[in-house]
Amino acid sequence: MTQMQEEFLKREEEFRREKLNENFSIINTFIDKLSLLGVELNTSNFNYIPKTGIVVTYKNILSILNPSLHKDKEGLLRVSDLLEYYTIDNFVEGLFYSNDYIVLPHNFFRRGFHEQNHFAPSFISEYWKLNHKEQESYISVDFNRVRIDVNKFGLLERDKWFGSKFNKDISKIGDGIIKFRPPMDLSEFYINFLFNSVYSLEIKWNTKGSIKSFQAKEFKVSDVKVDFEGEKFHPARYIHAEYDLVQNEFRHFDGAIHLYNDEEYYARVNSDFNHNFKDNNKIKSKSFKLFKINGSVDTDLWSLLSSHFLSKNPLFYEYLNEKYPDYLVGYIDRIRERDI
């Protein structure tokens, strides 16, 4: 570690302790509150995270604070149920407010799937715009952490991101599987930098009667892993949707993280959605649902939320628009010209 890195980490630690000291009264009040609920906390349960605020970590703390919250069979909470107990602020996306703590969306919505980071652009902000009292919308929240400095502080980050303009007639899309990969002549460095470490993207459409099903799965390169329940896994973002060909709209839409161990990852990453039909080595990855919407979802909203859920993935843009975004084409052209 260089001297500059050491000094930076030292300043970070000093700032963290300073923020914890500033919020000493809030922390002690929360410790007393949990003591009345039979939970003994100490200062080691509290941390200051610059992208979030003062956070307390304790297993299943949200259920202790609010026993009335009930997950569905997929581990999700209905947003309209959350709004019976909490309020939201349209200018601070992703947070459910009570008087003395804030409910946070699950860490898998964050950049790099890591609890220290802010939300990846811009799924949460777009999801926040839905009318959750009318939509049958669900979301995964962090049951093991809550934020206790209750204020309207929020972090605004903007990436150079692109919106999709998918206007095709979905009824005319043929069934089958298509798989996308970044350009094979790019080095690993540029794939990580320009394609957000995406190894591949799979798309599958399948029609049964009047319902057309959509699936998308995004695999990262092999060195991208996440911690989940004490183990390390390869994360794959997954989207599922059902389009009603009679009503000409999506009737269901959900997103999840599929988690593969090393053996499963290497067996699956170069295959496709039909792997379990073609191969005797069946793979059943762990699945962690992050959101779902039951009911009417138009094509524009579906494409917008899908694009932001698959954050910074030019391959999905390529699928919707039959080309890379213009800025990316310019980067790739300059890289190839330089390497000739």
Protein backbone atom coordinates (compact mmCIF):
# COMPACT_ATOMS: atom_id res chain seq x y z
CA MET A 1 0.00 0.00 0.00
CA THR A 2 1.38 3.41 -0.95
CA GLN A 3 1.78 6.23 1.53
CA MET A 4 -1.01 8.14 -0.27
CA GLN A 5 -3.40 5.18 0.13
CA GLU A 6 -2.50 4.84 3.79
CA GLU A 7 -3.16 8.54 4.40
CA PHE A 8 -6.49 8.33 2.56
CA LEU A 9 -7.63 5.35 4.65
CA LYS A 10 -6.51 7.10 7.81
CA ARG A 11 -8.57 10.19 6.94
CA GLU A 12 -11.54 7.97 6.09
CA GLU A 13 -11.33 6.28 9.48
CA GLU A 14 -11.00 9.61 11.29
CA PHE A 15 -14.05 10.96 9.44
CA ARG A 16 -16.03 7.80 10.27
CA ARG A 17 -15.26 8.11 13.99
CA GLU A 18 -16.07 11.82 13.90
CA LYS A 19 -19.51 11.12 12.43
CA LEU A 20 -20.19 8.41 15.01
CA ASN A 21 -19.23 10.82 17.80
CA GLU A 22 -21.49 13.52 16.36
CA ASN A 23 -24.39 11.05 16.47
CA PHE A 24 -23.57 9.66 19.93
CA SER A 25 -26.94 10.75 21.35
CA ILE A 26 -28.91 9.15 18.49
CA ILE A 27 -26.95 5.92 18.88
CA ASN A 28 -27.52 5.74 22.64
CA THR A 29 -31.22 6.45 22.23
CA PHE A 30 -31.49 3.62 19.72
CA ILE A 31 -29.58 1.26 22.03
CA ASP A 32 -32.10 2.06 24.79
CA LYS A 33 -35.02 1.50 22.41
CA LEU A 34 -33.77 -1.95 21.39
CA SER A 35 -33.04 -2.86 25.01
CA LEU A 36 -36.76 -2.46 25.72
CA LEU A 37 -37.37 -4.96 22.90
CA GLY A 38 -34.97 -7.48 24.44
CA VAL A 39 -32.01 -6.77 22.16
CA GLU A 40 -28.66 -5.73 23.63
CA LEU A 41 -26.69 -3.58 21.20
CA ASN A 42 -23.32 -1.92 21.68
CA THR A 43 -21.26 0.56 19.70
CA SER A 44 -19.78 -2.23 17.54
CA ASN A 45 -23.21 -2.63 15.92
CA PHE A 46 -23.05 0.93 14.56
CA ASN A 47 -21.12 2.32 11.64
CA TYR A 48 -21.00 5.43 9.50
CA ILE A 49 -21.16 4.69 5.77
CA PRO A 50 -20.59 7.82 3.64
CA LYS A 51 -23.01 6.72 0.90
CA THR A 52 -25.76 5.82 3.40
CA GLY A 53 -25.44 7.40 6.86
CA ILE A 54 -25.41 6.01 10.44
CA VAL A 55 -26.28 2.34 10.10
CA VAL A 56 -26.99 -0.28 12.77
CA THR A 57 -26.41 -3.92 11.88
CA TYR A 58 -28.07 -6.78 13.74
CA LYS A 59 -29.58 -9.98 12.38
CA ASN A 60 -33.24 -9.50 11.44
CA ILE A 61 -33.38 -6.11 13.16
CA LEU A 62 -36.17 -4.86 10.88
CA SER A 63 -38.49 -7.67 12.01
CA ILE A 64 -37.67 -6.82 15.62
CA LEU A 65 -38.54 -3.17 15.02
CA ASN A 66 -41.67 -3.98 13.04
CA PRO A 67 -43.04 -7.52 13.56
CA SER A 68 -46.02 -6.65 11.35
CA LEU A 69 -43.89 -6.83 8.19
CA HIS A 70 -44.36 -10.13 6.41
CA LYS A 71 -42.36 -11.32 3.42
CA ASP A 72 -44.13 -13.18 0.66
CA LYS A 73 -42.91 -16.63 -0.40
CA GLU A 74 -40.17 -15.00 -2.48
CA GLY A 75 -38.86 -12.89 0.38
CA LEU A 76 -40.33 -9.62 -0.93
CA LEU A 77 -42.43 -6.96 0.77
CA ARG A 78 -45.38 -5.34 -0.95
CA VAL A 79 -44.59 -1.65 -1.28
CA SER A 80 -48.16 -0.61 -0.46
CA ASP A 81 -47.85 -2.56 2.82
CA LEU A 82 -44.59 -0.77 3.63
CA LEU A 83 -46.35 2.54 3.01
CA GLU A 84 -48.80 1.73 5.80
CA TYR A 85 -45.93 2.07 8.28
CA TYR A 86 -43.41 4.29 6.50
CA THR A 87 -43.32 7.37 4.30
CA ILE A 88 -41.20 8.05 1.23
CA ASP A 89 -39.66 11.22 -0.15
CA ASN A 90 -39.79 11.63 -3.92
CA PHE A 91 -36.51 13.57 -3.83
CA VAL A 92 -34.59 10.93 -1.83
CA GLU A 93 -35.12 7.66 -3.64
CA GLY A 94 -34.90 4.24 -2.05
CA LEU A 95 -35.67 5.11 1.58
CA PHE A 96 -38.70 4.27 3.74
CA TYR A 97 -38.92 6.68 6.69
CA SER A 98 -40.20 6.18 10.24
CA ASN A 99 -39.67 8.54 13.17
CA ASP A 100 -36.48 6.90 14.40
CA TYR A 101 -35.11 4.67 11.64
CA ILE A 102 -35.05 4.24 7.87
CA VAL A 103 -35.65 1.03 5.91
CA LEU A 104 -33.11 0.43 3.12
CA PRO A 105 -33.44 -1.53 -0.13
CA HIS A 106 -31.34 -4.68 -0.31
CA ASN A 107 -27.59 -4.42 -0.92
CA PHE A 108 -27.90 -6.22 -4.26
CA PHE A 109 -29.39 -3.02 -5.70
CA ARG A 110 -26.10 -1.22 -4.95
CA ARG A 111 -23.08 -0.72 -7.18
CA GLY A 112 -20.97 -3.84 -7.18
CA PHE A 113 -23.66 -5.47 -4.97
CA HIS A 114 -21.74 -4.05 -1.99
CA GLU A 115 -23.22 -2.46 1.15
CA GLN A 116 -20.71 0.40 1.17
CA ASN A 117 -21.82 1.74 -2.21
CA HIS A 118 -24.74 3.81 -3.44
CA PHE A 119 -27.53 2.35 -5.58
CA ALA A 120 -26.56 1.41 -9.11
CA PRO A 121 -28.06 3.82 -11.66
CA SER A 122 -30.92 4.25 -12.05
CA PHE A 123 -33.29 1.42 -11.25
CA ILE A 124 -34.24 2.55 -7.74
CA SER A 125 -34.99 6.12 -8.85
CA GLU A 126 -37.21 4.89 -11.69
CA TYR A 127 -38.94 2.31 -9.50
CA TRP A 128 -39.65 5.08 -7.00
CA LYS A 129 -41.77 6.89 -9.58
CA LEU A 130 -44.37 4.12 -9.76
CA ASN A 131 -47.77 4.60 -8.16
CA HIS A 132 -47.23 1.89 -5.55
CA LYS A 133 -50.70 2.30 -4.07
CA GLU A 134 -52.21 1.27 -7.40
CA GLN A 135 -49.47 -0.99 -8.77
CA GLU A 136 -49.03 -4.41 -7.18
CA SER A 137 -45.32 -3.76 -6.69
CA TYR A 138 -42.89 -5.56 -4.39
CA ILE A 139 -39.29 -4.98 -3.31
CA SER A 140 -36.51 -6.65 -1.35
CA VAL A 141 -35.28 -4.67 1.65
CA ASP A 142 -32.37 -5.07 4.05
CA PHE A 143 -33.70 -6.83 7.14
CA ASN A 144 -30.30 -6.85 8.87
CA ARG A 145 -29.52 -3.12 8.66
CA VAL A 146 -31.42 0.12 9.21
CA ARG A 147 -30.28 3.73 9.09
CA ILE A 148 -30.93 5.76 12.27
CA ASP A 149 -29.99 9.35 11.38
CA VAL A 150 -33.46 10.20 10.14
CA ASN A 151 -33.13 13.18 7.84
CA LYS A 152 -33.62 13.98 4.18
CA PHE A 153 -29.98 13.46 3.32
CA GLY A 154 -29.66 11.59 0.06
CA LEU A 155 -26.86 10.98 -2.40
CA LEU A 156 -27.33 11.91 -6.03
CA GLU A 157 -25.01 10.19 -8.48
CA ARG A 158 -25.21 10.34 -12.25
CA ASP A 159 -23.48 8.10 -14.71
CA LYS A 160 -23.15 8.59 -18.42
CA TRP A 161 -26.06 6.26 -19.00
CA PHE A 162 -28.45 5.77 -21.84
CA GLY A 163 -32.17 5.20 -22.09
CA SER A 164 -33.59 2.51 -24.34
CA LYS A 165 -36.22 3.25 -27.00
CA PHE A 166 -37.63 -0.20 -27.56
CA ASN A 167 -40.69 0.30 -29.77
CA LYS A 168 -40.96 -3.00 -31.57
CA ASP A 169 -44.20 -4.94 -31.79
CA ILE A 170 -43.51 -7.66 -29.21
CA SER A 171 -46.06 -9.98 -30.79
CA LYS A 172 -43.77 -10.20 -33.82
CA ILE A 173 -40.66 -11.23 -31.89
CA GLY A 174 -39.84 -14.85 -32.64
CA ASP A 175 -39.31 -17.37 -29.88
CA GLY A 176 -35.79 -18.53 -29.16
CA ILE A 177 -32.52 -17.66 -27.43
CA ILE A 178 -29.96 -15.04 -28.34
CA LYS A 179 -26.66 -14.50 -26.53
CA PHE A 180 -24.50 -11.36 -26.53
CA ARG A 181 -20.82 -10.97 -25.69
CA PRO A 182 -18.55 -7.91 -25.64
CA PRO A 183 -16.19 -7.68 -28.65
CA MET A 184 -13.72 -10.55 -28.42
CA ASP A 185 -10.78 -8.38 -29.51
CA LEU A 186 -11.05 -6.13 -26.44
CA SER A 187 -8.75 -6.81 -23.50
CA GLU A 188 -10.11 -7.72 -20.08
CA PHE A 189 -9.32 -4.19 -18.88
CA TYR A 190 -11.59 -2.58 -21.50
CA ILE A 191 -14.36 -5.14 -20.99
CA ASN A 192 -14.35 -4.32 -17.29
CA PHE A 193 -14.21 -0.57 -17.96
CA LEU A 194 -16.62 -0.23 -20.89
CA PHE A 195 -18.96 -3.16 -20.22
CA ASN A 196 -19.06 -3.07 -16.41
CA SER A 197 -17.35 -6.49 -16.21
CA VAL A 198 -20.19 -8.16 -18.13
CA TYR A 199 -19.18 -11.50 -19.63
CA SER A 200 -22.41 -12.24 -21.48
CA LEU A 201 -26.12 -11.49 -21.73
CA GLU A 202 -28.74 -14.09 -22.62
CA ILE A 203 -32.24 -13.29 -23.88
CA LYS A 204 -35.05 -15.81 -24.29
CA TRP A 205 -38.61 -15.38 -25.58
CA ASN A 206 -41.15 -18.20 -25.38
CA THR A 207 -44.84 -18.16 -26.32
CA LYS A 208 -47.55 -20.35 -24.81
CA GLY A 209 -51.09 -19.53 -25.81
CA SER A 210 -51.68 -15.80 -25.44
CA ILE A 211 -48.73 -15.25 -23.08
CA LYS A 212 -45.21 -14.44 -24.31
CA SER A 213 -42.52 -14.94 -21.66
CA PHE A 214 -39.27 -13.00 -21.53
CA GLN A 215 -36.09 -13.92 -19.68
CA ALA A 216 -32.72 -12.15 -19.51
CA LYS A 217 -29.64 -13.21 -17.58
CA GLU A 218 -26.43 -11.21 -17.20
CA PHE A 219 -23.21 -13.02 -16.26
CA LYS A 220 -20.19 -11.11 -14.97
CA VAL A 221 -16.55 -12.07 -15.53
CA SER A 222 -15.29 -14.77 -13.18
CA ASP A 223 -13.53 -12.53 -10.65
CA VAL A 224 -16.76 -10.67 -9.75
CA LYS A 225 -18.17 -12.32 -6.61
CA VAL A 226 -20.50 -11.39 -3.77
CA ASP A 227 -20.79 -12.54 -0.16
CA PHE A 228 -24.11 -14.17 0.70
CA GLU A 229 -24.87 -16.00 3.94
CA GLY A 230 -21.18 -16.56 4.66
CA GLU A 231 -20.24 -17.87 1.21
CA LYS A 232 -18.92 -16.33 -2.00
CA PHE A 233 -20.94 -16.61 -5.21
CA HIS A 234 -20.87 -15.44 -8.82
CA PRO A 235 -23.86 -13.07 -9.20
CA ALA A 236 -26.06 -13.10 -12.32
CA ARG A 237 -28.79 -10.49 -12.66
CA TYR A 238 -32.02 -12.05 -13.95
CA ILE A 239 -35.22 -10.56 -15.39
CA HIS A 240 -38.49 -12.37 -16.03
CA ALA A 241 -41.62 -10.88 -17.59
CA GLU A 242 -44.90 -12.09 -19.10
CA TYR A 243 -46.51 -10.23 -21.99
CA ASP A 244 -50.24 -10.59 -22.66
CA LEU A 245 -50.69 -10.75 -26.43
CA VAL A 246 -54.42 -10.01 -26.12
CA GLN A 247 -54.08 -6.93 -23.87
CA ASN A 248 -50.81 -5.85 -25.54
CA GLU A 249 -49.05 -5.20 -22.23
CA PHE A 250 -46.89 -6.93 -19.68
CA ARG A 251 -48.93 -8.53 -16.90
CA HIS A 252 -45.96 -9.50 -14.69
CA PHE A 253 -42.37 -8.30 -14.29
CA ASP A 254 -39.70 -9.27 -11.74
CA GLY A 255 -35.97 -9.15 -11.17
CA ALA A 256 -33.61 -11.28 -9.11
CA ILE A 257 -29.99 -12.18 -8.47
CA HIS A 258 -29.01 -15.76 -9.26
CA LEU A 259 -26.02 -16.97 -7.26
CA TYR A 260 -23.64 -19.64 -8.58
CA ASN A 261 -20.78 -21.38 -6.81
CA ASP A 262 -17.57 -21.88 -8.82
CA GLU A 263 -18.55 -25.28 -10.21
CA GLU A 264 -22.01 -24.10 -11.24
CA TYR A 265 -20.69 -20.87 -12.75
CA TYR A 266 -18.14 -22.54 -15.03
CA ALA A 267 -20.68 -25.18 -16.07
CA ARG A 268 -23.32 -22.57 -16.93
CA VAL A 269 -21.59 -19.37 -18.09
CA ASN A 270 -20.83 -20.61 -21.64
CA SER A 271 -24.16 -22.40 -22.02
CA ASP A 272 -27.64 -20.87 -22.30
CA PHE A 273 -31.16 -21.03 -20.86
CA ASN A 274 -31.61 -24.54 -22.24
CA HIS A 275 -28.68 -25.92 -20.25
CA ASN A 276 -30.83 -28.05 -17.96
CA PHE A 277 -32.65 -29.52 -20.96
CA LYS A 278 -29.48 -30.34 -22.90
CA ASP A 279 -27.11 -31.38 -20.12
CA ASN A 280 -27.40 -34.17 -17.58
CA ASN A 281 -25.60 -31.95 -15.06
CA LYS A 282 -28.62 -29.95 -13.88
CA ILE A 283 -27.90 -26.58 -12.26
CA LYS A 284 -30.22 -25.02 -9.70
CA SER A 285 -28.65 -21.75 -8.61
CA LYS A 286 -29.66 -19.89 -5.48
CA SER A 287 -32.14 -17.16 -6.34
CA PHE A 288 -32.72 -13.94 -4.44
CA LYS A 289 -35.74 -11.95 -5.65
CA LEU A 290 -35.29 -8.17 -5.61
CA PHE A 291 -38.55 -6.78 -6.99
CA LYS A 292 -41.74 -7.70 -8.78
CA ILE A 293 -44.77 -5.99 -10.30
CA ASN A 294 -48.06 -7.79 -10.90
CA GLY A 295 -50.46 -5.98 -13.18
CA SER A 296 -50.31 -3.68 -16.16
CA VAL A 297 -46.80 -2.61 -17.22
CA ASP A 298 -46.43 -0.96 -20.62
CA THR A 299 -43.51 -1.70 -22.91
CA ASP A 300 -41.78 1.65 -22.37
CA LEU A 301 -41.77 1.21 -18.58
CA TRP A 302 -40.59 -2.39 -18.89
CA SER A 303 -37.68 -1.43 -21.14
CA LEU A 304 -36.74 1.54 -18.94
CA LEU A 305 -36.69 -0.45 -15.69
CA SER A 306 -34.94 -3.40 -17.37
CA SER A 307 -32.21 -1.09 -18.71
CA HIS A 308 -31.58 0.42 -15.30
CA PHE A 309 -31.74 -2.92 -13.47
CA LEU A 310 -29.05 -4.21 -15.86
CA SER A 311 -27.07 -1.12 -14.94
CA LYS A 312 -24.30 -0.02 -17.34
CA ASN A 313 -24.77 -3.06 -19.58
CA PRO A 314 -24.39 -1.95 -23.25
CA LEU A 315 -25.34 -5.45 -24.39
CA PHE A 316 -28.98 -4.91 -23.40
CA TYR A 317 -28.95 -1.58 -25.23
CA GLU A 318 -27.55 -3.45 -28.23
CA TYR A 319 -30.43 -5.92 -28.05
CA LEU A 320 -33.08 -3.20 -27.92
CA ASN A 321 -31.51 -0.91 -30.51
CA GLU A 322 -29.43 -3.26 -32.69
CA LYS A 323 -26.31 -1.22 -31.99
CA TYR A 324 -24.08 -0.01 -29.17
CA PRO A 325 -24.66 3.50 -27.79
CA ASP A 326 -22.79 6.09 -29.84
CA TYR A 327 -20.31 6.99 -27.09
CA LEU A 328 -19.25 3.34 -26.79
CA VAL A 329 -18.74 2.96 -30.55
CA GLY A 330 -16.38 5.92 -30.42
CA TYR A 331 -14.37 4.39 -27.57
CA ILE A 332 -14.06 1.01 -29.29
CA ASP A 333 -13.05 2.58 -32.62
CA ARG A 334 -10.28 4.59 -30.95
CA ILE A 335 -9.02 1.51 -29.07
CA ARG A 336 -8.88 -0.52 -32.29
CA GLU A 337 -7.16 2.28 -34.23
CA ARG A 338 -4.53 2.59 -31.51
CA ASP A 339 -3.89 -1.17 -31.44
CA ILE A 340 -3.47 -1.58 -35.21
